[in-house]
Amino acid sequence: MKYINQGKMCSIPEPDMENLEQRISRLEAEREIKEILFHYTRCVDRGDAEGVASCYTEDGCFYPSDFLSGIQGKDRIFRLFSRLLEPQVLTSAHYICNQQVCFLSQSEALVYACFRSNKSFSDGRDDENCWGGFELRVVIDKDGRWRIKRHKCFMSRQTGCENGRRREQLDRPWPPLPEYRS
């Protein structure tokens, strides 16, 4: 990940890698980390709350916005998404881009990604369109797989819903800090 220091682009320091094996391991970990978001969005689009919850550690936390406390625990995240992934959704598609991964250690990383999503509904509501981002802290879980420990969602623009969110991308901390409140 990059940041600006006195007008110059700099790299956020990451743990050193001493040999080729560690460098290859880091590339494999980065690929697996990026696939977490692909799996998450595919499950959201399919209405699969169990699949969404599988992306999180047992004590993982999902922050739906800067204005709400986090939903902590895989079971609570499952229940939340069971309600959010409503049956009236006719089509849903998420597009993930600009993923950046910054390793804090061999078993923990920060992730930033942009998304665009759209939904249509079978009950006649207007289509909903969202542009925004995800800030995550991911860790290697007990089973050796990368999972989400903290997940922050923010909107740049949202249309087609009663209280459309916008401009939440401004003045965000950098590097991303996916845990704001507990």
N, C-alpha and C. Protein backbone atom coordinates (compact mmCIF):
# COMPACT_ATOMS: atom_id res chain seq x y z
N MET A 1 0.84 -1.18 0.00
CA MET A 1 0.00 0.00 0.00
C MET A 1 0.89 1.24 0.00
N LYS A 2 0.39 2.25 -0.61
CA LYS A 2 1.13 3.51 -0.70
C LYS A 2 0.48 4.58 0.17
N TYR A 3 1.28 5.56 0.55
CA TYR A 3 0.77 6.74 1.25
C TYR A 3 1.63 7.93 0.82
N ILE A 4 1.18 9.12 1.14
CA ILE A 4 1.90 10.34 0.77
C ILE A 4 2.60 10.89 2.01
N ASN A 5 3.87 11.19 1.86
CA ASN A 5 4.66 11.79 2.93
C ASN A 5 5.44 12.96 2.34
N GLN A 6 5.11 14.16 2.76
CA GLN A 6 5.74 15.38 2.28
C GLN A 6 5.71 15.46 0.74
N GLY A 7 4.55 15.14 0.20
CA GLY A 7 4.34 15.25 -1.24
C GLY A 7 4.91 14.11 -2.06
N LYS A 8 5.48 13.08 -1.41
CA LYS A 8 6.06 11.95 -2.14
C LYS A 8 5.30 10.67 -1.82
N MET A 9 5.12 9.83 -2.83
CA MET A 9 4.47 8.54 -2.63
C MET A 9 5.48 7.59 -1.99
N CYS A 10 5.07 6.97 -0.89
CA CYS A 10 5.93 6.04 -0.15
C CYS A 10 5.17 4.73 0.07
N SER A 11 5.91 3.68 0.32
CA SER A 11 5.30 2.38 0.63
C SER A 11 5.15 2.24 2.14
N ILE A 12 4.00 1.74 2.56
CA ILE A 12 3.79 1.44 3.97
C ILE A 12 4.72 0.27 4.32
N PRO A 13 5.49 0.38 5.38
CA PRO A 13 6.42 -0.70 5.73
C PRO A 13 5.69 -2.01 5.99
N GLU A 14 6.26 -3.08 5.47
CA GLU A 14 5.71 -4.42 5.68
C GLU A 14 6.81 -5.31 6.24
N PRO A 15 6.45 -6.44 6.85
CA PRO A 15 7.46 -7.36 7.37
C PRO A 15 8.44 -7.78 6.27
N ASP A 16 9.71 -7.86 6.63
CA ASP A 16 10.73 -8.26 5.66
C ASP A 16 10.54 -9.70 5.23
N MET A 17 10.95 -9.95 4.00
CA MET A 17 10.97 -11.31 3.46
C MET A 17 12.42 -11.62 3.12
N GLU A 18 12.91 -12.72 3.66
CA GLU A 18 14.33 -13.02 3.54
C GLU A 18 14.69 -13.85 2.33
N ASN A 19 13.74 -14.61 1.79
CA ASN A 19 14.12 -15.51 0.69
C ASN A 19 12.96 -15.67 -0.29
N LEU A 20 13.23 -16.37 -1.37
CA LEU A 20 12.26 -16.57 -2.43
C LEU A 20 11.03 -17.34 -1.93
N GLU A 21 11.23 -18.31 -1.07
CA GLU A 21 10.11 -19.08 -0.53
C GLU A 21 9.13 -18.17 0.22
N GLN A 22 9.64 -17.24 1.01
CA GLN A 22 8.78 -16.30 1.73
C GLN A 22 8.07 -15.35 0.77
N ARG A 23 8.74 -14.96 -0.29
CA ARG A 23 8.12 -14.07 -1.28
C ARG A 23 6.98 -14.79 -2.00
N ILE A 24 7.19 -16.05 -2.35
CA ILE A 24 6.13 -16.83 -3.00
C ILE A 24 4.97 -17.05 -2.04
N SER A 25 5.29 -17.33 -0.78
CA SER A 25 4.25 -17.51 0.23
C SER A 25 3.42 -16.25 0.38
N ARG A 26 4.06 -15.09 0.35
CA ARG A 26 3.35 -13.81 0.45
C ARG A 26 2.42 -13.62 -0.74
N LEU A 27 2.86 -13.96 -1.94
CA LEU A 27 2.01 -13.84 -3.14
C LEU A 27 0.80 -14.78 -3.04
N GLU A 28 1.02 -15.99 -2.55
CA GLU A 28 -0.09 -16.93 -2.38
C GLU A 28 -1.07 -16.41 -1.33
N ALA A 29 -0.56 -15.84 -0.25
CA ALA A 29 -1.43 -15.29 0.80
C ALA A 29 -2.23 -14.11 0.25
N GLU A 30 -1.60 -13.26 -0.54
CA GLU A 30 -2.31 -12.11 -1.11
C GLU A 30 -3.44 -12.57 -2.03
N ARG A 31 -3.19 -13.61 -2.82
CA ARG A 31 -4.24 -14.15 -3.69
C ARG A 31 -5.39 -14.69 -2.86
N GLU A 32 -5.09 -15.44 -1.81
CA GLU A 32 -6.14 -16.00 -0.96
C GLU A 32 -6.93 -14.89 -0.26
N ILE A 33 -6.25 -13.85 0.17
CA ILE A 33 -6.92 -12.72 0.83
C ILE A 33 -7.87 -12.03 -0.14
N LYS A 34 -7.42 -11.79 -1.36
CA LYS A 34 -8.30 -11.14 -2.35
C LYS A 34 -9.51 -12.01 -2.67
N GLU A 35 -9.33 -13.31 -2.64
CA GLU A 35 -10.45 -14.22 -2.93
C GLU A 35 -11.52 -14.18 -1.84
N ILE A 36 -11.17 -13.73 -0.63
CA ILE A 36 -12.18 -13.60 0.43
C ILE A 36 -13.27 -12.65 -0.04
N LEU A 37 -12.88 -11.49 -0.58
CA LEU A 37 -13.89 -10.52 -1.04
C LEU A 37 -14.67 -11.04 -2.23
N PHE A 38 -14.03 -11.77 -3.11
CA PHE A 38 -14.78 -12.35 -4.25
C PHE A 38 -15.82 -13.34 -3.73
N HIS A 39 -15.44 -14.17 -2.76
CA HIS A 39 -16.38 -15.12 -2.18
C HIS A 39 -17.50 -14.38 -1.45
N TYR A 40 -17.14 -13.39 -0.64
CA TYR A 40 -18.12 -12.59 0.10
C TYR A 40 -19.17 -12.00 -0.85
N THR A 41 -18.72 -11.32 -1.91
CA THR A 41 -19.67 -10.66 -2.81
C THR A 41 -20.49 -11.66 -3.60
N ARG A 42 -19.89 -12.78 -3.98
CA ARG A 42 -20.66 -13.81 -4.69
C ARG A 42 -21.78 -14.34 -3.78
N CYS A 43 -21.48 -14.53 -2.49
CA CYS A 43 -22.50 -15.02 -1.55
C CYS A 43 -23.58 -13.96 -1.33
N VAL A 44 -23.20 -12.69 -1.23
CA VAL A 44 -24.21 -11.63 -1.11
C VAL A 44 -25.12 -11.66 -2.33
N ASP A 45 -24.53 -11.74 -3.52
CA ASP A 45 -25.32 -11.73 -4.75
C ASP A 45 -26.25 -12.94 -4.86
N ARG A 46 -25.87 -14.06 -4.27
CA ARG A 46 -26.70 -15.27 -4.33
C ARG A 46 -27.68 -15.37 -3.16
N GLY A 47 -27.61 -14.40 -2.21
CA GLY A 47 -28.49 -14.45 -1.06
C GLY A 47 -28.10 -15.51 -0.05
N ASP A 48 -26.81 -15.83 0.03
CA ASP A 48 -26.30 -16.91 0.86
C ASP A 48 -25.67 -16.36 2.14
N ALA A 49 -26.48 -16.20 3.19
CA ALA A 49 -26.00 -15.64 4.45
C ALA A 49 -24.97 -16.55 5.12
N GLU A 50 -25.13 -17.86 4.99
CA GLU A 50 -24.16 -18.79 5.57
C GLU A 50 -22.79 -18.62 4.89
N GLY A 51 -22.81 -18.46 3.57
CA GLY A 51 -21.56 -18.24 2.84
C GLY A 51 -20.89 -16.94 3.24
N VAL A 52 -21.70 -15.88 3.44
CA VAL A 52 -21.14 -14.60 3.90
C VAL A 52 -20.48 -14.80 5.26
N ALA A 53 -21.18 -15.43 6.19
CA ALA A 53 -20.64 -15.62 7.54
C ALA A 53 -19.37 -16.46 7.53
N SER A 54 -19.22 -17.34 6.56
CA SER A 54 -18.03 -18.19 6.49
C SER A 54 -16.76 -17.39 6.22
N CYS A 55 -16.89 -16.16 5.80
CA CYS A 55 -15.73 -15.30 5.52
C CYS A 55 -15.11 -14.74 6.79
N TYR A 56 -15.79 -14.84 7.93
CA TYR A 56 -15.39 -14.18 9.17
C TYR A 56 -14.83 -15.16 10.19
N THR A 57 -13.96 -14.64 11.07
CA THR A 57 -13.54 -15.41 12.24
C THR A 57 -14.73 -15.51 13.19
N GLU A 58 -14.65 -16.39 14.17
CA GLU A 58 -15.75 -16.55 15.14
C GLU A 58 -16.07 -15.23 15.84
N ASP A 59 -15.05 -14.42 16.10
CA ASP A 59 -15.27 -13.13 16.77
C ASP A 59 -15.17 -11.96 15.79
N GLY A 60 -15.31 -12.24 14.49
CA GLY A 60 -15.23 -11.19 13.48
C GLY A 60 -16.28 -10.11 13.71
N CYS A 61 -16.03 -8.93 13.14
CA CYS A 61 -16.94 -7.81 13.33
C CYS A 61 -17.18 -7.11 12.00
N PHE A 62 -18.46 -6.83 11.71
CA PHE A 62 -18.86 -6.13 10.50
C PHE A 62 -19.41 -4.76 10.89
N TYR A 63 -18.80 -3.71 10.34
CA TYR A 63 -19.24 -2.33 10.58
C TYR A 63 -19.97 -1.85 9.32
N PRO A 64 -21.30 -1.76 9.34
CA PRO A 64 -22.04 -1.37 8.14
C PRO A 64 -21.86 0.09 7.76
N SER A 65 -21.42 0.93 8.70
CA SER A 65 -21.18 2.34 8.38
C SER A 65 -20.38 2.97 9.51
N ASP A 66 -19.97 4.22 9.31
CA ASP A 66 -19.28 4.97 10.35
C ASP A 66 -20.20 5.31 11.51
N PHE A 67 -21.50 5.21 11.29
CA PHE A 67 -22.47 5.71 12.26
C PHE A 67 -23.11 4.61 13.10
N LEU A 68 -22.75 3.38 12.84
CA LEU A 68 -23.33 2.26 13.58
C LEU A 68 -22.23 1.45 14.26
N SER A 69 -22.54 0.90 15.40
CA SER A 69 -21.61 0.00 16.07
C SER A 69 -21.46 -1.27 15.26
N GLY A 70 -20.37 -1.95 15.49
CA GLY A 70 -20.11 -3.19 14.77
C GLY A 70 -21.01 -4.33 15.20
N ILE A 71 -21.25 -5.23 14.27
CA ILE A 71 -21.98 -6.48 14.54
C ILE A 71 -20.90 -7.52 14.77
N GLN A 72 -20.74 -7.97 16.02
CA GLN A 72 -19.62 -8.85 16.36
C GLN A 72 -20.07 -10.28 16.53
N GLY A 73 -19.28 -11.17 15.96
CA GLY A 73 -19.51 -12.61 16.08
C GLY A 73 -20.10 -13.18 14.80
N LYS A 74 -19.55 -14.30 14.39
CA LYS A 74 -19.98 -14.96 13.16
C LYS A 74 -21.48 -15.25 13.17
N ASP A 75 -22.02 -15.69 14.32
CA ASP A 75 -23.46 -16.00 14.41
C ASP A 75 -24.31 -14.75 14.20
N ARG A 76 -23.91 -13.64 14.83
CA ARG A 76 -24.67 -12.39 14.66
C ARG A 76 -24.57 -11.87 13.23
N ILE A 77 -23.40 -12.02 12.61
CA ILE A 77 -23.24 -11.61 11.20
C ILE A 77 -24.15 -12.45 10.32
N PHE A 78 -24.23 -13.74 10.59
CA PHE A 78 -25.13 -14.62 9.83
C PHE A 78 -26.58 -14.14 9.98
N ARG A 79 -27.00 -13.85 11.21
CA ARG A 79 -28.39 -13.39 11.42
C ARG A 79 -28.64 -12.06 10.72
N LEU A 80 -27.67 -11.14 10.77
CA LEU A 80 -27.83 -9.86 10.08
C LEU A 80 -28.02 -10.06 8.58
N PHE A 81 -27.15 -10.85 7.97
CA PHE A 81 -27.25 -11.04 6.53
C PHE A 81 -28.45 -11.89 6.14
N SER A 82 -28.93 -12.73 7.05
CA SER A 82 -30.17 -13.47 6.78
C SER A 82 -31.34 -12.51 6.61
N ARG A 83 -31.30 -11.38 7.35
CA ARG A 83 -32.34 -10.35 7.20
C ARG A 83 -32.06 -9.44 6.01
N LEU A 84 -30.79 -9.07 5.79
CA LEU A 84 -30.45 -8.13 4.72
C LEU A 84 -30.63 -8.71 3.32
N LEU A 85 -30.36 -9.99 3.18
CA LEU A 85 -30.43 -10.62 1.87
C LEU A 85 -31.86 -11.06 1.60
N GLU A 86 -32.68 -10.08 1.32
CA GLU A 86 -34.12 -10.27 1.22
C GLU A 86 -34.53 -11.05 -0.04
N PRO A 87 -35.62 -11.82 0.06
CA PRO A 87 -36.05 -12.62 -1.07
C PRO A 87 -36.59 -11.82 -2.25
N GLN A 88 -36.92 -10.53 -2.05
CA GLN A 88 -37.45 -9.71 -3.14
C GLN A 88 -36.36 -9.27 -4.12
N VAL A 89 -35.10 -9.58 -3.83
CA VAL A 89 -34.03 -9.22 -4.74
C VAL A 89 -34.12 -10.13 -5.96
N LEU A 90 -34.31 -9.51 -7.11
CA LEU A 90 -34.42 -10.23 -8.37
C LEU A 90 -33.04 -10.50 -8.96
N THR A 91 -32.22 -9.45 -9.02
CA THR A 91 -30.84 -9.59 -9.48
C THR A 91 -29.93 -8.81 -8.54
N SER A 92 -28.72 -9.26 -8.40
CA SER A 92 -27.73 -8.58 -7.57
C SER A 92 -26.36 -8.86 -8.17
N ALA A 93 -25.54 -7.82 -8.28
CA ALA A 93 -24.19 -7.99 -8.81
C ALA A 93 -23.25 -7.02 -8.12
N HIS A 94 -22.15 -7.54 -7.62
CA HIS A 94 -21.08 -6.74 -7.03
C HIS A 94 -19.85 -6.85 -7.91
N TYR A 95 -19.14 -5.74 -8.02
CA TYR A 95 -17.89 -5.69 -8.78
C TYR A 95 -16.83 -5.15 -7.83
N ILE A 96 -15.75 -5.90 -7.65
CA ILE A 96 -14.68 -5.52 -6.74
C ILE A 96 -13.47 -5.09 -7.57
N CYS A 97 -12.84 -3.97 -7.17
CA CYS A 97 -11.65 -3.52 -7.88
C CYS A 97 -10.72 -2.79 -6.93
N ASN A 98 -9.55 -2.45 -7.43
CA ASN A 98 -8.55 -1.66 -6.70
C ASN A 98 -8.19 -2.27 -5.35
N GLN A 99 -8.11 -3.58 -5.30
CA GLN A 99 -7.75 -4.23 -4.04
C GLN A 99 -6.27 -3.96 -3.73
N GLN A 100 -6.04 -3.57 -2.48
CA GLN A 100 -4.68 -3.37 -1.99
C GLN A 100 -4.54 -4.14 -0.69
N VAL A 101 -3.41 -4.80 -0.52
CA VAL A 101 -3.16 -5.60 0.67
C VAL A 101 -1.86 -5.12 1.29
N CYS A 102 -1.90 -4.89 2.60
CA CYS A 102 -0.71 -4.49 3.36
C CYS A 102 -0.54 -5.48 4.51
N PHE A 103 0.53 -6.26 4.48
CA PHE A 103 0.77 -7.25 5.52
C PHE A 103 1.34 -6.55 6.76
N LEU A 104 0.70 -6.82 7.90
CA LEU A 104 1.20 -6.31 9.18
C LEU A 104 2.14 -7.32 9.81
N SER A 105 1.90 -8.59 9.50
CA SER A 105 2.74 -9.70 9.96
C SER A 105 2.48 -10.86 9.00
N GLN A 106 3.06 -12.02 9.29
CA GLN A 106 2.82 -13.18 8.44
C GLN A 106 1.38 -13.69 8.55
N SER A 107 0.66 -13.27 9.60
CA SER A 107 -0.69 -13.79 9.82
C SER A 107 -1.76 -12.71 9.94
N GLU A 108 -1.43 -11.46 9.55
CA GLU A 108 -2.40 -10.37 9.65
C GLU A 108 -2.14 -9.35 8.56
N ALA A 109 -3.22 -8.84 7.96
CA ALA A 109 -3.08 -7.86 6.89
C ALA A 109 -4.25 -6.90 6.88
N LEU A 110 -4.02 -5.72 6.32
CA LEU A 110 -5.07 -4.75 6.04
C LEU A 110 -5.41 -4.84 4.56
N VAL A 111 -6.69 -4.65 4.24
CA VAL A 111 -7.14 -4.72 2.85
C VAL A 111 -8.03 -3.51 2.58
N TYR A 112 -7.85 -2.93 1.41
CA TYR A 112 -8.70 -1.85 0.93
C TYR A 112 -9.20 -2.28 -0.45
N ALA A 113 -10.47 -2.09 -0.71
CA ALA A 113 -11.02 -2.42 -2.02
C ALA A 113 -12.21 -1.52 -2.33
N CYS A 114 -12.39 -1.21 -3.59
CA CYS A 114 -13.55 -0.46 -4.04
C CYS A 114 -14.59 -1.44 -4.56
N PHE A 115 -15.86 -1.05 -4.51
CA PHE A 115 -16.90 -1.89 -5.08
C PHE A 115 -17.96 -1.04 -5.76
N ARG A 116 -18.66 -1.70 -6.63
CA ARG A 116 -19.88 -1.16 -7.23
C ARG A 116 -20.88 -2.30 -7.19
N SER A 117 -22.10 -1.98 -6.82
CA SER A 117 -23.12 -3.03 -6.80
C SER A 117 -24.43 -2.48 -7.33
N ASN A 118 -25.24 -3.38 -7.86
CA ASN A 118 -26.59 -2.99 -8.24
C ASN A 118 -27.53 -4.15 -7.95
N LYS A 119 -28.76 -3.78 -7.62
CA LYS A 119 -29.82 -4.75 -7.31
C LYS A 119 -31.09 -4.32 -8.00
N SER A 120 -31.85 -5.30 -8.43
CA SER A 120 -33.22 -5.03 -8.87
C SER A 120 -34.14 -5.89 -8.01
N PHE A 121 -35.40 -5.45 -7.92
CA PHE A 121 -36.33 -6.08 -6.98
C PHE A 121 -37.59 -6.56 -7.69
N SER A 122 -38.14 -7.64 -7.19
CA SER A 122 -39.36 -8.20 -7.79
C SER A 122 -40.62 -7.50 -7.30
N ASP A 123 -40.51 -6.65 -6.27
CA ASP A 123 -41.70 -5.99 -5.72
C ASP A 123 -41.92 -4.58 -6.29
N GLY A 124 -41.24 -4.23 -7.38
CA GLY A 124 -41.49 -2.97 -8.05
C GLY A 124 -40.66 -1.79 -7.57
N ARG A 125 -39.85 -1.98 -6.53
CA ARG A 125 -38.98 -0.89 -6.07
C ARG A 125 -37.99 -0.50 -7.15
N ASP A 126 -37.51 0.74 -7.08
CA ASP A 126 -36.46 1.18 -8.00
C ASP A 126 -35.19 0.37 -7.77
N ASP A 127 -34.40 0.23 -8.83
CA ASP A 127 -33.10 -0.43 -8.70
C ASP A 127 -32.24 0.35 -7.70
N GLU A 128 -31.41 -0.37 -6.98
CA GLU A 128 -30.49 0.24 -6.03
C GLU A 128 -29.07 0.11 -6.58
N ASN A 129 -28.35 1.22 -6.60
CA ASN A 129 -26.98 1.24 -7.09
C ASN A 129 -26.09 1.83 -6.01
N CYS A 130 -24.95 1.19 -5.78
CA CYS A 130 -24.03 1.64 -4.74
C CYS A 130 -22.61 1.65 -5.29
N TRP A 131 -21.86 2.65 -4.84
CA TRP A 131 -20.43 2.74 -5.09
C TRP A 131 -19.79 3.00 -3.75
N GLY A 132 -18.73 2.31 -3.44
CA GLY A 132 -18.10 2.52 -2.15
C GLY A 132 -16.85 1.70 -1.99
N GLY A 133 -16.58 1.35 -0.74
CA GLY A 133 -15.36 0.62 -0.47
C GLY A 133 -15.46 -0.25 0.77
N PHE A 134 -14.49 -1.14 0.87
CA PHE A 134 -14.35 -2.01 2.02
C PHE A 134 -12.97 -1.79 2.62
N GLU A 135 -12.91 -1.75 3.93
CA GLU A 135 -11.66 -1.74 4.67
C GLU A 135 -11.70 -2.95 5.58
N LEU A 136 -10.69 -3.80 5.49
CA LEU A 136 -10.71 -5.04 6.25
C LEU A 136 -9.41 -5.24 7.01
N ARG A 137 -9.53 -5.94 8.11
CA ARG A 137 -8.38 -6.53 8.79
C ARG A 137 -8.62 -8.03 8.69
N VAL A 138 -7.69 -8.73 8.08
CA VAL A 138 -7.82 -10.17 7.91
C VAL A 138 -6.70 -10.86 8.68
N VAL A 139 -6.99 -12.06 9.15
CA VAL A 139 -6.03 -12.84 9.93
C VAL A 139 -6.09 -14.29 9.50
N ILE A 140 -5.05 -15.02 9.84
CA ILE A 140 -5.10 -16.47 9.65
C ILE A 140 -5.86 -17.05 10.83
N ASP A 141 -6.94 -17.74 10.52
CA ASP A 141 -7.83 -18.30 11.54
C ASP A 141 -7.24 -19.60 12.10
N LYS A 142 -7.94 -20.18 13.07
CA LYS A 142 -7.48 -21.40 13.74
C LYS A 142 -7.23 -22.55 12.77
N ASP A 143 -7.98 -22.59 11.67
CA ASP A 143 -7.83 -23.68 10.70
C ASP A 143 -6.77 -23.38 9.64
N GLY A 144 -6.04 -22.27 9.79
CA GLY A 144 -4.98 -21.94 8.84
C GLY A 144 -5.44 -21.16 7.62
N ARG A 145 -6.73 -20.81 7.54
CA ARG A 145 -7.28 -20.06 6.41
C ARG A 145 -7.39 -18.58 6.77
N TRP A 146 -7.23 -17.73 5.76
CA TRP A 146 -7.42 -16.30 5.96
C TRP A 146 -8.92 -16.02 6.10
N ARG A 147 -9.27 -15.19 7.10
CA ARG A 147 -10.65 -14.79 7.30
C ARG A 147 -10.69 -13.33 7.78
N ILE A 148 -11.88 -12.76 7.70
CA ILE A 148 -12.07 -11.37 8.08
C ILE A 148 -12.23 -11.26 9.60
N LYS A 149 -11.42 -10.42 10.19
CA LYS A 149 -11.51 -10.12 11.63
C LYS A 149 -12.35 -8.84 11.83
N ARG A 150 -12.14 -7.84 10.97
CA ARG A 150 -12.89 -6.59 11.00
C ARG A 150 -13.20 -6.19 9.57
N HIS A 151 -14.42 -5.72 9.34
CA HIS A 151 -14.87 -5.36 7.98
C HIS A 151 -15.65 -4.07 8.07
N LYS A 152 -15.15 -3.05 7.43
CA LYS A 152 -15.78 -1.73 7.42
C LYS A 152 -16.29 -1.46 6.01
N CYS A 153 -17.52 -1.02 5.90
CA CYS A 153 -18.14 -0.70 4.61
C CYS A 153 -18.44 0.79 4.58
N PHE A 154 -18.09 1.46 3.47
CA PHE A 154 -18.45 2.87 3.33
C PHE A 154 -18.97 3.11 1.93
N MET A 155 -19.83 4.11 1.79
CA MET A 155 -20.45 4.43 0.51
C MET A 155 -19.91 5.75 -0.03
N SER A 156 -19.61 5.75 -1.31
CA SER A 156 -19.30 7.00 -2.01
C SER A 156 -20.58 7.59 -2.57
N ARG A 157 -21.48 6.69 -3.01
CA ARG A 157 -22.78 7.12 -3.52
C ARG A 157 -23.73 5.93 -3.49
N GLN A 158 -24.98 6.21 -3.19
CA GLN A 158 -26.00 5.17 -3.15
C GLN A 158 -27.29 5.77 -3.68
N THR A 159 -27.89 5.10 -4.64
CA THR A 159 -29.14 5.57 -5.22
C THR A 159 -30.19 4.46 -5.16
N GLY A 160 -31.45 4.88 -5.28
CA GLY A 160 -32.53 3.91 -5.34
C GLY A 160 -33.02 3.43 -3.99
N CYS A 161 -32.58 4.06 -2.92
CA CYS A 161 -33.07 3.68 -1.60
C CYS A 161 -33.44 4.97 -0.85
N GLU A 162 -34.24 4.79 0.18
CA GLU A 162 -34.83 5.93 0.88
C GLU A 162 -33.78 6.90 1.45
N ASN A 163 -32.80 6.38 2.11
CA ASN A 163 -31.77 7.22 2.74
C ASN A 163 -30.42 6.96 2.10
N GLY A 164 -30.26 7.32 0.84
CA GLY A 164 -29.01 7.07 0.13
C GLY A 164 -27.82 7.69 0.82
N ARG A 165 -26.77 6.90 0.99
CA ARG A 165 -25.55 7.38 1.63
C ARG A 165 -24.61 7.91 0.55
N ARG A 166 -23.77 8.88 0.91
CA ARG A 166 -22.81 9.41 -0.05
C ARG A 166 -21.64 10.10 0.64
N ARG A 167 -20.57 10.22 -0.09
CA ARG A 167 -19.37 10.96 0.29
C ARG A 167 -18.69 10.44 1.55
N GLU A 168 -18.91 9.18 1.90
CA GLU A 168 -18.26 8.62 3.08
C GLU A 168 -16.79 8.27 2.83
N GLN A 169 -16.36 8.37 1.58
CA GLN A 169 -14.97 8.07 1.25
C GLN A 169 -14.04 9.22 1.65
N LEU A 170 -14.60 10.39 1.91
CA LEU A 170 -13.79 11.57 2.22
C LEU A 170 -13.25 11.51 3.65
N ASP A 171 -12.03 11.98 3.82
CA ASP A 171 -11.40 12.10 5.15
C ASP A 171 -11.32 10.78 5.91
N ARG A 172 -11.14 9.68 5.21
CA ARG A 172 -10.97 8.40 5.87
C ARG A 172 -9.52 8.25 6.31
N PRO A 173 -9.27 7.55 7.41
CA PRO A 173 -7.89 7.35 7.85
C PRO A 173 -7.12 6.51 6.84
N TRP A 174 -5.85 6.78 6.70
CA TRP A 174 -5.00 5.99 5.81
C TRP A 174 -3.69 5.72 6.51
N PRO A 175 -3.25 4.48 6.57
CA PRO A 175 -3.86 3.31 5.97
C PRO A 175 -5.23 3.04 6.61
N PRO A 176 -6.03 2.21 5.93
CA PRO A 176 -7.40 1.97 6.41
C PRO A 176 -7.41 1.35 7.79
N LEU A 177 -8.34 1.81 8.60
CA LEU A 177 -8.52 1.27 9.94
C LEU A 177 -9.92 0.69 10.03
N PRO A 178 -10.08 -0.60 9.80
CA PRO A 178 -11.42 -1.17 9.72
C PRO A 178 -12.15 -1.30 11.05
N GLU A 179 -11.55 -0.93 12.16
CA GLU A 179 -12.29 -0.97 13.42
C GLU A 179 -12.38 0.44 13.99
N TYR A 180 -13.56 0.95 14.03
CA TYR A 180 -13.80 2.31 14.50
C TYR A 180 -14.43 2.31 15.87
N ARG A 181 -15.41 1.48 16.06
CA ARG A 181 -16.09 1.35 17.35
C ARG A 181 -16.39 -0.12 17.57
N SER A 182 -16.58 -0.48 18.83
CA SER A 182 -16.97 -1.87 19.12
C SER A 182 -18.37 -1.89 19.67
